[in-house]
Amino acid sequence: MALFWILAGGLALGVAILLALGLRAPRTGAAVPAAAYDLRVYRDQLREVEKDLARGVVSKEDAERVRAEVSRRILAADAALQKDDVTADASKGAPGIVAGAITLVLIAGSVGLYLQLGAPGYGDLTLADRIAFAEEALAERPSQAEAEASLTERGAPPEASPDYVALVEQLRDTVARRPDDLQGHILLAQNEANLGNFRAAAEAQGEVLRLKGPDAEVADYVDYADMLVLAAGGYVSPEAETALRTALSVDQANGTARYYIGLMMAQTGRPDTAFRMWDALLREGPEDAPWIQPILAQIEDMAFRAGVNYQLPEIGTGRGPSAADIEAAGDLSPAERLEMIQGMVSGLSERLATEGGPVQDWAQLISALGVLGQTGQARAVYDNAVEVFAEDTRALDLLLRAGQRARVVE
C-alpha cells in the first residue's frame, strides 16, 4: 500500500513540475514593447540627422532643433520602457503561483477522488484472487458465539407491559423444569423474540429442533437461522448457514433462506452472487414478502459493488433473470447456480402452467432449466411452448434458440 501512495505522489509531482516549466518557459515570438520599437526609431533618426548635417543637406540650426526634438522623444520612450520592465518584473511570480495552485488541486483532487471511488487498504487483486479470498473469508469467519460476544451495544428491547414480562418469566421457569416440553419451547422462542431477547429465542428454537428431530419443518430451521442472525447483529454465522442450507435442501424456493444466504455472500466478499440472488427474489415477489424491503434497501449498493449497471425490476412479475444473467450463471459453482436460478424456476414454471405468459418468459424458463441440468423438464417445457406458439414464427425462432442453449434441440 505504501508503494502505491509513493508512486501516485511521484506521478502527481512529475506532472505538476512539467506544467510549471511550461508556464515559466519564455514565449518565443512574443511582441516587442512599443516603447522599445520607438526608441530604436528615434536613435536611427539622430544618426540620419548627423549624416544630413555632414553632407550639407540641413543647416546647423535645423540640425540642433531636430536633435532637441528627437532627444525629448527618446527620453519619453525610455521612461515608458522602464515602466513596462517594472510591470513585467512584478508579474514574474504569477506562473509559479499558478503552478503551485495546479499542484495542490491535482494532488488533493486525486486523493479525494480515490477516497470516494477507490478502496483504501484493499489490495489490487485478480478475479481469481478475489474469489479465493472470498472462499477463505467464508470458511474462516467467526462462529455464532464469537459474533455474539463481539457485540458491545444491543438495540433497546421493545416496550412490554409488566404483566407480559411476568408471564414470560413464568414461562421460562416452566420450561426449565420441563426441558422436553416441545410446546413450551415453541412458546418460549416466540415470546423471547417478541421481547428482543434473540439469543434466548435462538436457544429455545434450537431445543425445538432437537425435540422434533427428523420431523422438523422448513419453517423451524428458517426461524432458528433468523433468530441466530438477529442475535449476532445481522451477521450470518456458520451455524445460521447450516440451518439455512438444511431448509433449502427441502425447499429450494424459500425466500427467507435465500435472502440470508445472499447476505452471507455479501458479507464474505461475493457481492456478485448476493446481487443475483436478491434480484431473482425481487422479480419473484410478492411485494409484501418480508425480504423485499431489506433487499430494496441494499441491492443498488450491491449491484454497484458487483459492477452492474442496475435498474430495479418490477417486483412480483415472476420473471427470472435475463438471458445474459442465465448465461453468466454458468461460471458459478453448482451450488451458487442452483441458489440463483432454482427459486425463479419454481415460480415462473407455476405461473406459465396456470396463467401463460409471453414467449420471452417461456424461453427464459427453458434456458434456466438447461443451466440447472434438468434437460428432461426443459424439453417438456419446450414442447409445450411450441404448441402454444405454433402459429407465431418469431416466437418459434426464439424458442428454438432457447432450446439450443439448453441443449434439448439441435
Protein backbone atom coordinates (compact mmCIF):
# COMPACT_ATOMS: atom_id res chain seq x y z
CA MET A 1 0.00 0.00 0.00
CA ALA A 2 2.85 2.39 0.81
CA LEU A 3 4.31 1.73 -2.63
CA PHE A 4 1.01 2.77 -4.23
CA TRP A 5 1.00 6.13 -2.47
CA ILE A 6 4.68 6.71 -3.31
CA LEU A 7 4.06 6.03 -6.99
CA ALA A 8 0.87 8.11 -7.05
CA GLY A 9 2.58 11.02 -5.31
CA GLY A 10 5.60 10.81 -7.64
CA LEU A 11 3.38 10.87 -10.73
CA ALA A 12 1.37 13.84 -9.45
CA LEU A 13 4.56 15.76 -8.59
CA GLY A 14 6.09 14.98 -12.00
CA VAL A 15 3.01 16.25 -13.84
CA ALA A 16 2.97 19.39 -11.69
CA ILE A 17 6.66 20.10 -12.46
CA LEU A 18 6.06 19.75 -16.20
CA LEU A 19 3.13 22.16 -16.00
CA ALA A 20 5.22 24.65 -14.02
CA LEU A 21 8.07 24.50 -16.53
CA GLY A 22 5.62 25.07 -19.34
CA LEU A 23 4.17 28.10 -17.62
CA ARG A 24 7.59 29.63 -16.87
CA ALA A 25 9.20 28.95 -20.25
CA PRO A 26 9.92 32.07 -22.33
CA ARG A 27 7.46 32.62 -25.12
CA THR A 28 9.24 32.83 -28.46
CA GLY A 29 7.89 35.28 -30.97
CA ALA A 30 6.32 37.48 -28.32
CA ALA A 31 5.53 41.08 -29.42
CA VAL A 32 8.28 43.73 -28.76
CA PRO A 33 7.08 46.55 -26.46
CA ALA A 34 6.05 49.67 -28.40
CA ALA A 35 8.39 51.88 -26.36
CA ALA A 36 11.43 49.77 -27.33
CA TYR A 37 10.48 49.99 -31.01
CA ASP A 38 10.04 53.77 -30.76
CA LEU A 39 13.42 54.06 -29.07
CA ARG A 40 15.17 52.33 -31.97
CA VAL A 41 13.43 54.57 -34.49
CA TYR A 42 14.40 57.75 -32.66
CA ARG A 43 18.06 56.70 -32.44
CA ASP A 44 18.06 55.98 -36.17
CA GLN A 45 16.67 59.47 -36.72
CA LEU A 46 19.55 61.00 -34.74
CA ARG A 47 22.07 59.15 -36.89
CA GLU A 48 20.32 60.36 -40.05
CA VAL A 49 20.44 63.97 -38.81
CA GLU A 50 24.23 63.71 -38.32
CA LYS A 51 24.63 62.28 -41.83
CA ASP A 52 22.47 65.05 -43.36
CA LEU A 53 24.47 67.72 -41.49
CA ALA A 54 27.76 66.27 -42.72
CA ARG A 55 26.51 66.25 -46.33
CA GLY A 56 25.23 69.84 -46.01
CA VAL A 57 21.61 68.83 -46.62
CA VAL A 58 20.40 70.67 -43.48
CA SER A 59 21.72 73.74 -41.70
CA LYS A 60 23.37 73.65 -38.33
CA GLU A 61 20.40 75.44 -36.71
CA ASP A 62 17.87 72.97 -38.18
CA ALA A 63 20.03 70.04 -37.09
CA GLU A 64 20.13 71.37 -33.50
CA ARG A 65 16.34 71.82 -33.45
CA VAL A 66 15.75 68.26 -34.76
CA ARG A 67 18.26 66.83 -32.28
CA ALA A 68 16.42 68.52 -29.40
CA GLU A 69 13.02 67.17 -30.50
CA VAL A 70 14.28 63.64 -31.12
CA SER A 71 16.16 63.63 -27.79
CA ARG A 72 12.96 64.61 -26.00
CA ARG A 73 11.13 61.71 -27.65
CA ILE A 74 13.97 59.33 -26.72
CA LEU A 75 13.65 60.31 -23.07
CA ALA A 76 9.87 59.77 -23.14
CA ALA A 77 10.24 56.37 -24.85
CA ASP A 78 12.93 55.29 -22.39
CA ALA A 79 10.69 56.22 -19.45
CA ALA A 80 7.84 54.19 -20.93
CA LEU A 81 10.16 51.22 -21.49
CA GLN A 82 11.32 51.34 -17.85
CA LYS A 83 7.68 51.28 -16.71
CA ASP A 84 6.99 48.17 -18.84
CA ASP A 85 10.03 46.44 -17.31
CA VAL A 86 8.76 47.11 -13.77
CA THR A 87 5.33 45.65 -14.66
CA ALA A 88 6.93 42.57 -16.18
CA ASP A 89 9.10 42.04 -13.08
CA ALA A 90 6.04 42.26 -10.87
CA SER A 91 4.27 39.53 -12.86
CA LYS A 92 7.20 37.09 -12.96
CA GLY A 93 5.92 35.24 -9.90
CA ALA A 94 2.49 34.57 -11.45
CA PRO A 95 3.49 31.33 -13.25
CA GLY A 96 4.94 29.98 -10.01
CA ILE A 97 1.75 30.75 -8.13
CA VAL A 98 -0.38 29.15 -10.85
CA ALA A 99 1.90 26.09 -10.90
CA GLY A 100 1.62 25.73 -7.13
CA ALA A 101 -2.16 26.02 -7.28
CA ILE A 102 -2.33 23.39 -10.03
CA THR A 103 -0.12 21.08 -7.97
CA LEU A 104 -2.38 21.38 -4.93
CA VAL A 105 -5.57 20.87 -6.96
CA LEU A 106 -4.07 17.90 -8.79
CA ILE A 107 -2.87 16.10 -5.67
CA ALA A 108 -5.85 16.95 -3.46
CA GLY A 109 -8.34 16.15 -6.22
CA SER A 110 -6.70 12.81 -6.98
CA VAL A 111 -6.67 11.78 -3.32
CA GLY A 112 -10.28 12.87 -2.85
CA LEU A 113 -11.43 11.00 -5.94
CA TYR A 114 -9.60 7.86 -4.85
CA LEU A 115 -11.09 8.01 -1.36
CA GLN A 116 -14.56 8.29 -2.90
CA LEU A 117 -14.28 5.68 -5.66
CA GLY A 118 -11.36 3.56 -4.57
CA ALA A 119 -10.85 1.19 -1.68
CA PRO A 120 -8.04 2.36 0.61
CA GLY A 121 -6.28 -0.55 2.24
CA TYR A 122 -7.70 -3.07 -0.22
CA GLY A 123 -5.12 -4.64 -2.48
CA ASP A 124 -5.34 -4.86 -6.24
CA LEU A 125 -6.45 -8.46 -6.79
CA THR A 126 -7.27 -10.52 -9.85
CA LEU A 127 -10.72 -12.09 -10.15
CA ALA A 128 -9.33 -15.49 -9.19
CA ASP A 129 -7.63 -13.97 -6.15
CA ARG A 130 -10.82 -12.22 -5.09
CA ILE A 131 -12.82 -15.44 -5.35
CA ALA A 132 -10.17 -17.32 -3.40
CA PHE A 133 -10.12 -14.56 -0.79
CA ALA A 134 -13.94 -14.73 -0.50
CA GLU A 135 -13.85 -18.51 -0.10
CA GLU A 136 -11.25 -18.16 2.63
CA ALA A 137 -13.31 -15.48 4.38
CA LEU A 138 -16.36 -17.72 4.19
CA ALA A 139 -14.53 -20.70 5.63
CA GLU A 140 -12.78 -18.79 8.42
CA ARG A 141 -15.49 -16.38 9.50
CA PRO A 142 -16.34 -16.10 13.23
CA SER A 143 -18.70 -18.54 14.91
CA GLN A 144 -22.08 -17.59 16.35
CA ALA A 145 -20.66 -17.40 19.88
CA GLU A 146 -17.76 -15.18 18.76
CA ALA A 147 -20.11 -12.86 16.90
CA GLU A 148 -22.43 -12.52 19.88
CA ALA A 149 -19.51 -11.90 22.23
CA SER A 150 -18.20 -9.12 19.97
CA LEU A 151 -21.39 -7.10 20.23
CA THR A 152 -20.76 -4.21 22.60
CA GLU A 153 -24.10 -2.50 22.09
CA ARG A 154 -27.51 -4.03 21.68
CA GLY A 155 -30.67 -2.40 20.49
CA ALA A 156 -33.22 -1.27 23.02
CA PRO A 157 -35.71 -4.05 23.75
CA PRO A 158 -39.32 -3.47 22.68
CA GLU A 159 -41.53 -1.91 25.29
CA ALA A 160 -43.62 -4.51 27.06
CA SER A 161 -46.10 -4.33 29.89
CA PRO A 162 -45.01 -5.59 33.30
CA ASP A 163 -47.74 -8.23 33.15
CA TYR A 164 -46.41 -9.62 29.87
CA VAL A 165 -42.85 -9.70 31.19
CA ALA A 166 -44.05 -11.53 34.27
CA LEU A 167 -45.82 -14.13 32.12
CA VAL A 168 -42.64 -14.72 30.12
CA GLU A 169 -40.72 -15.15 33.37
CA GLN A 170 -43.20 -17.81 34.43
CA LEU A 171 -42.85 -19.50 31.04
CA ARG A 172 -39.06 -19.59 31.45
CA ASP A 173 -39.39 -21.25 34.85
CA THR A 174 -41.86 -23.78 33.50
CA VAL A 175 -39.68 -24.71 30.52
CA ALA A 176 -36.63 -25.00 32.78
CA ARG A 177 -38.49 -27.57 34.88
CA ARG A 178 -39.82 -29.39 31.80
CA PRO A 179 -36.92 -29.47 29.27
CA ASP A 180 -38.72 -31.92 26.97
CA ASP A 181 -41.90 -29.87 26.64
CA LEU A 182 -42.00 -29.14 22.90
CA GLN A 183 -44.91 -26.71 23.06
CA GLY A 184 -43.28 -24.86 25.92
CA HIS A 185 -40.08 -24.32 23.93
CA ILE A 186 -42.07 -23.17 20.91
CA LEU A 187 -43.90 -20.58 23.01
CA LEU A 188 -40.70 -19.53 24.75
CA ALA A 189 -38.86 -18.98 21.45
CA GLN A 190 -41.70 -16.83 20.13
CA ASN A 191 -42.03 -14.73 23.26
CA GLU A 192 -38.30 -14.23 23.77
CA ALA A 193 -38.14 -12.97 20.20
CA ASN A 194 -41.05 -10.62 20.91
CA LEU A 195 -39.04 -9.16 23.80
CA GLY A 196 -35.93 -8.76 21.64
CA ASN A 197 -34.05 -11.50 23.51
CA PHE A 198 -32.88 -13.15 20.30
CA ARG A 199 -30.08 -15.14 21.89
CA ALA A 200 -32.54 -16.76 24.32
CA ALA A 201 -35.03 -17.16 21.48
CA ALA A 202 -32.43 -18.99 19.38
CA GLU A 203 -31.59 -21.29 22.29
CA ALA A 204 -35.27 -22.15 22.72
CA GLN A 205 -35.69 -22.70 18.97
CA GLY A 206 -32.64 -24.97 18.99
CA GLU A 207 -34.45 -27.09 21.57
CA VAL A 208 -37.48 -27.17 19.29
CA LEU A 209 -35.31 -28.65 16.53
CA ARG A 210 -33.82 -31.14 18.97
CA LEU A 211 -37.22 -32.32 20.19
CA LYS A 212 -38.75 -32.50 16.71
CA GLY A 213 -35.76 -34.31 15.26
CA PRO A 214 -36.47 -35.62 11.74
CA ASP A 215 -39.98 -34.15 11.93
CA ALA A 216 -38.65 -30.58 11.99
CA GLU A 217 -40.09 -28.50 9.16
CA VAL A 218 -38.50 -25.92 6.87
CA ALA A 219 -40.07 -23.08 8.87
CA ASP A 220 -38.44 -24.39 12.06
CA TYR A 221 -34.97 -24.21 10.53
CA VAL A 222 -35.63 -20.82 8.94
CA ASP A 223 -36.90 -19.39 12.24
CA TYR A 224 -33.81 -20.73 14.01
CA ALA A 225 -31.49 -19.15 11.44
CA ASP A 226 -33.41 -15.87 11.64
CA MET A 227 -33.01 -15.75 15.42
CA LEU A 228 -29.31 -16.55 15.17
CA VAL A 229 -28.76 -13.75 12.66
CA LEU A 230 -30.64 -11.25 14.81
CA ALA A 231 -28.74 -12.36 17.91
CA ALA A 232 -25.47 -11.74 16.05
CA GLY A 233 -26.47 -8.24 14.98
CA GLY A 234 -27.27 -9.13 11.35
CA TYR A 235 -24.28 -11.41 10.83
CA VAL A 236 -24.83 -14.81 9.14
CA SER A 237 -22.70 -17.25 11.13
CA PRO A 238 -21.70 -20.80 10.14
CA GLU A 239 -24.39 -22.11 12.49
CA ALA A 240 -27.02 -19.97 10.80
CA GLU A 241 -25.78 -21.09 7.40
CA THR A 242 -26.16 -24.75 8.39
CA ALA A 243 -29.80 -24.16 9.32
CA LEU A 244 -30.42 -22.24 6.09
CA ARG A 245 -28.82 -24.94 3.93
CA THR A 246 -30.97 -27.55 5.65
CA ALA A 247 -34.09 -25.54 4.86
CA LEU A 248 -33.05 -25.06 1.23
CA SER A 249 -32.35 -28.77 0.82
CA VAL A 250 -36.08 -29.29 1.35
CA ASP A 251 -37.49 -26.06 -0.11
CA GLN A 252 -35.13 -24.55 -2.67
CA ALA A 253 -37.51 -21.62 -3.28
CA ASN A 254 -37.70 -20.45 0.35
CA GLY A 255 -37.35 -16.67 0.19
CA THR A 256 -36.09 -16.01 3.71
CA ALA A 257 -33.36 -18.63 3.43
CA ARG A 258 -32.26 -17.34 0.03
CA TYR A 259 -32.18 -13.75 1.31
CA TYR A 260 -29.93 -14.71 4.21
CA ILE A 261 -27.64 -16.81 2.00
CA GLY A 262 -27.29 -13.75 -0.24
CA LEU A 263 -26.49 -11.62 2.81
CA MET A 264 -23.83 -14.14 3.84
CA MET A 265 -22.24 -13.95 0.39
CA ALA A 266 -22.22 -10.15 0.59
CA GLN A 267 -20.53 -10.28 3.98
CA THR A 268 -17.79 -12.60 2.73
CA GLY A 269 -16.74 -10.78 -0.44
CA ARG A 270 -19.14 -12.09 -3.10
CA PRO A 271 -21.47 -9.17 -3.91
CA ASP A 272 -21.97 -10.61 -7.40
CA THR A 273 -23.62 -13.75 -6.01
CA ALA A 274 -25.66 -11.77 -3.48
CA PHE A 275 -26.88 -9.42 -6.20
CA ARG A 276 -28.04 -12.24 -8.46
CA MET A 277 -29.91 -14.00 -5.67
CA TRP A 278 -31.61 -10.82 -4.46
CA ASP A 279 -32.51 -9.73 -7.97
CA ALA A 280 -34.25 -13.06 -8.55
CA LEU A 281 -36.19 -12.65 -5.27
CA LEU A 282 -37.36 -9.18 -6.31
CA ARG A 283 -38.59 -10.48 -9.64
CA GLU A 284 -40.46 -13.31 -7.99
CA GLY A 285 -42.05 -11.23 -5.23
CA PRO A 286 -44.64 -10.92 -3.89
CA GLU A 287 -44.40 -7.27 -2.97
CA ASP A 288 -45.41 -7.89 0.65
CA ALA A 289 -42.82 -10.63 1.22
CA PRO A 290 -40.75 -9.86 4.35
CA TRP A 291 -37.45 -9.95 2.43
CA ILE A 292 -38.47 -7.40 -0.24
CA GLN A 293 -37.86 -4.23 1.78
CA PRO A 294 -34.44 -5.35 3.13
CA ILE A 295 -33.38 -6.21 -0.41
CA LEU A 296 -34.59 -2.89 -1.80
CA ALA A 297 -32.55 -1.08 0.84
CA GLN A 298 -29.34 -2.85 -0.19
CA ILE A 299 -29.48 -4.16 -3.75
CA GLU A 300 -28.44 -0.98 -5.57
CA ASP A 301 -25.29 -0.75 -3.48
CA MET A 302 -24.76 -4.47 -4.03
CA ALA A 303 -25.12 -4.02 -7.79
CA PHE A 304 -22.55 -1.19 -7.68
CA ARG A 305 -20.13 -3.43 -5.78
CA ALA A 306 -20.76 -6.20 -8.31
CA GLY A 307 -20.06 -3.83 -11.23
CA VAL A 308 -23.61 -3.98 -12.60
CA ASN A 309 -25.45 -1.00 -14.08
CA TYR A 310 -28.74 -1.88 -12.43
CA GLN A 311 -32.32 -0.76 -12.70
CA LEU A 312 -34.86 -2.08 -10.23
CA PRO A 313 -37.22 -4.58 -11.87
CA GLU A 314 -40.95 -4.73 -11.48
CA ILE A 315 -41.50 -6.64 -8.27
CA GLY A 316 -43.51 -9.83 -8.37
CA THR A 317 -43.77 -10.29 -12.12
CA GLY A 318 -42.47 -13.84 -11.75
CA ARG A 319 -39.88 -13.21 -14.44
CA GLY A 320 -36.44 -14.51 -13.82
CA PRO A 321 -33.02 -13.18 -14.81
CA SER A 322 -32.27 -12.08 -18.34
CA ALA A 323 -30.61 -14.40 -20.81
CA ALA A 324 -27.29 -12.72 -20.08
CA ASP A 325 -27.73 -13.41 -16.36
CA ILE A 326 -28.57 -17.04 -17.03
CA GLU A 327 -25.50 -17.47 -19.24
CA ALA A 328 -23.36 -15.77 -16.59
CA ALA A 329 -24.61 -18.31 -14.08
CA GLY A 330 -22.68 -20.94 -15.98
CA ASP A 331 -19.48 -19.52 -14.46
CA LEU A 332 -20.72 -20.05 -10.90
CA SER A 333 -20.28 -23.13 -8.80
CA PRO A 334 -23.14 -25.67 -8.96
CA ALA A 335 -24.38 -24.65 -5.51
CA GLU A 336 -24.39 -20.94 -6.34
CA ARG A 337 -26.01 -21.58 -9.70
CA LEU A 338 -28.72 -23.61 -8.06
CA GLU A 339 -29.43 -20.94 -5.46
CA MET A 340 -29.60 -18.24 -8.10
CA ILE A 341 -31.94 -19.94 -10.53
CA GLN A 342 -33.96 -22.59 -8.72
CA GLY A 343 -36.26 -20.17 -6.94
CA MET A 344 -37.00 -18.34 -10.16
CA VAL A 345 -37.70 -21.58 -11.98
CA SER A 346 -40.31 -22.73 -9.47
CA GLY A 347 -42.36 -19.55 -9.54
CA LEU A 348 -42.02 -18.99 -13.27
CA SER A 349 -42.91 -22.58 -14.13
CA GLU A 350 -46.03 -22.48 -11.99
CA ARG A 351 -47.18 -19.16 -13.46
CA LEU A 352 -46.69 -20.23 -17.05
CA ALA A 353 -48.51 -23.50 -16.43
CA THR A 354 -51.54 -21.80 -14.86
CA GLU A 355 -51.68 -18.33 -16.43
CA GLY A 356 -49.49 -18.49 -19.50
CA GLY A 357 -47.20 -15.63 -20.46
CA PRO A 358 -45.13 -14.05 -23.24
CA VAL A 359 -42.72 -16.16 -25.26
CA GLN A 360 -39.76 -14.45 -23.61
CA ASP A 361 -40.76 -15.99 -20.28
CA TRP A 362 -41.00 -19.44 -21.82
CA ALA A 363 -37.57 -19.02 -23.39
CA GLN A 364 -36.07 -17.90 -20.07
CA LEU A 365 -37.55 -20.90 -18.29
CA ILE A 366 -36.14 -23.30 -20.89
CA SER A 367 -32.69 -21.69 -20.64
CA ALA A 368 -32.76 -21.78 -16.84
CA LEU A 369 -33.70 -25.44 -16.76
CA GLY A 370 -30.85 -26.15 -19.15
CA VAL A 371 -28.37 -24.40 -16.87
CA LEU A 372 -29.67 -26.48 -13.96
CA GLY A 373 -29.12 -29.66 -15.98
CA GLN A 374 -32.82 -30.52 -15.92
CA THR A 375 -32.92 -31.29 -19.63
CA GLY A 376 -35.93 -33.57 -19.41
CA GLN A 377 -38.09 -30.85 -17.90
CA ALA A 378 -36.59 -28.29 -20.28
CA ARG A 379 -37.61 -30.45 -23.23
CA ALA A 380 -41.14 -30.83 -21.86
CA VAL A 381 -41.48 -27.06 -21.42
CA TYR A 382 -40.06 -26.55 -24.91
CA ASP A 383 -42.60 -28.94 -26.48
CA ASN A 384 -45.44 -27.27 -24.59
CA ALA A 385 -44.31 -23.81 -25.67
CA VAL A 386 -44.05 -24.89 -29.32
CA GLU A 387 -47.70 -25.99 -29.17
CA VAL A 388 -48.76 -22.69 -27.56
CA PHE A 389 -46.96 -20.56 -30.16
CA ALA A 390 -47.37 -22.88 -33.14
CA GLU A 391 -48.63 -20.07 -35.40
CA ASP A 392 -46.06 -17.45 -34.41
CA THR A 393 -42.86 -17.88 -36.42
CA ARG A 394 -40.94 -15.26 -34.44
CA ALA A 395 -41.86 -16.94 -31.17
CA LEU A 396 -40.85 -20.32 -32.56
CA ASP A 397 -37.46 -18.93 -33.57
CA LEU A 398 -36.90 -17.55 -30.06
CA LEU A 399 -37.92 -20.87 -28.52
CA LEU A 400 -35.57 -22.73 -30.86
CA ARG A 401 -32.60 -20.63 -29.72
CA ALA A 402 -33.54 -21.18 -26.08
CA GLY A 403 -33.82 -24.92 -26.72
CA GLN A 404 -30.41 -24.94 -28.36
CA ARG A 405 -28.89 -23.15 -25.36
CA ALA A 406 -30.49 -25.74 -23.10
CA ARG A 407 -29.23 -28.50 -25.46
CA VAL A 408 -32.64 -30.09 -25.86
CA VAL A 409 -32.92 -29.41 -29.61
CA GLU A 410 -30.39 -29.17 -32.42
